[in-house]
Amino acid sequence: VCSGCKLPYVRAGKRPRGEENNYCDECGIACAMRDADRRRKQKMADARRLHADGRGLREIAAKLNTKPATVRGWVKG
């Protein structure tokens, strides 16, 4: 099932992995990029919320599985 349009499709080549998003040829890279951007923006919002709650950069980075320098940029901007 395509993670973008939620319709079943036949995948050529590699077998799909259950833990990853899989996209049909119609949705393809555009949906993958949109979903990645959505996840990134959610991480940024979570980092800002945690920082406002008084959490440290390293703690936030560990919780969000990213680097402290990245978190610093997110909470700074």
Protein backbone atom coordinates (compact mmCIF):
# COMPACT_ATOMS: atom_id res chain seq x y z
CA VAL A 1 0.00 0.00 0.00
CA CYS A 2 1.35 3.42 -0.97
CA SER A 3 2.10 5.67 2.01
CA GLY A 4 1.06 8.71 -0.02
CA CYS A 5 -2.25 7.87 -1.71
CA LYS A 6 -3.07 4.80 0.45
CA LEU A 7 -3.87 2.71 -2.63
CA PRO A 8 -2.44 -0.77 -3.25
CA TYR A 9 0.25 -1.01 -5.93
CA VAL A 10 2.65 -3.57 -7.38
CA ARG A 11 6.21 -2.76 -6.51
CA ALA A 12 8.92 -3.65 -9.00
CA GLY A 13 12.43 -4.39 -7.79
CA LYS A 14 13.12 -4.38 -4.05
CA ARG A 15 10.67 -5.70 -1.51
CA PRO A 16 9.08 -2.99 0.64
CA ARG A 17 10.13 -2.72 4.26
CA GLY A 18 7.33 -2.70 6.79
CA GLU A 19 8.90 -0.07 9.04
CA GLU A 20 9.51 2.43 6.21
CA ASN A 21 7.18 4.48 4.06
CA ASN A 22 6.70 3.11 0.54
CA TYR A 23 5.40 5.10 -2.40
CA CYS A 24 3.87 4.15 -5.75
CA ASP A 25 5.25 5.57 -9.01
CA GLU A 26 2.52 8.22 -9.10
CA CYS A 27 3.30 9.63 -5.65
CA GLY A 28 7.02 8.92 -5.70
CA ILE A 29 9.60 11.41 -4.59
CA ALA A 30 7.18 14.34 -4.21
CA CYS A 31 5.25 12.62 -1.42
CA ALA A 32 8.46 11.36 0.17
CA MET A 33 9.87 14.90 0.30
CA ARG A 34 6.59 16.31 1.66
CA ASP A 35 6.48 13.67 4.41
CA ALA A 36 10.14 14.27 5.33
CA ASP A 37 9.51 18.01 5.55
CA ARG A 38 6.48 17.41 7.78
CA ARG A 39 8.57 15.21 10.13
CA ARG A 40 11.36 17.82 10.24
CA LYS A 41 8.96 20.65 11.08
CA GLN A 42 7.39 18.52 13.83
CA LYS A 43 10.85 17.89 15.33
CA MET A 44 11.55 21.63 15.24
CA ALA A 45 8.30 22.40 17.04
CA ASP A 46 8.99 19.70 19.64
CA ALA A 47 12.50 21.09 20.21
CA ARG A 48 11.15 24.62 20.76
CA ARG A 49 8.49 23.33 23.15
CA LEU A 50 11.03 21.32 25.16
CA HIS A 51 13.42 24.28 25.26
CA ALA A 52 10.63 26.53 26.53
CA ASP A 53 10.02 23.94 29.28
CA GLY A 54 13.64 24.43 30.41
CA ARG A 55 15.24 21.33 28.91
CA GLY A 56 18.90 21.42 27.89
CA LEU A 57 20.09 21.17 24.29
CA ARG A 58 21.75 17.79 24.79
CA GLU A 59 18.67 16.35 26.45
CA ILE A 60 16.46 17.59 23.62
CA ALA A 61 18.87 16.26 21.01
CA ALA A 62 18.92 12.82 22.64
CA LYS A 63 15.13 12.75 22.85
CA LEU A 64 14.69 13.78 19.20
CA ASN A 65 17.60 11.64 17.94
CA THR A 66 19.52 14.55 16.43
CA LYS A 67 22.65 16.61 17.10
CA PRO A 68 22.83 19.36 19.75
CA ALA A 69 24.06 21.84 17.10
CA THR A 70 20.93 21.19 15.05
CA VAL A 71 18.72 21.73 18.09
CA ARG A 72 20.59 24.96 18.86
CA GLY A 73 19.70 26.29 15.42
CA TRP A 74 16.07 25.27 15.80
CA VAL A 75 15.56 26.96 19.16
CA LYS A 76 17.57 30.02 18.16
CA GLY A 77 15.48 30.73 15.03
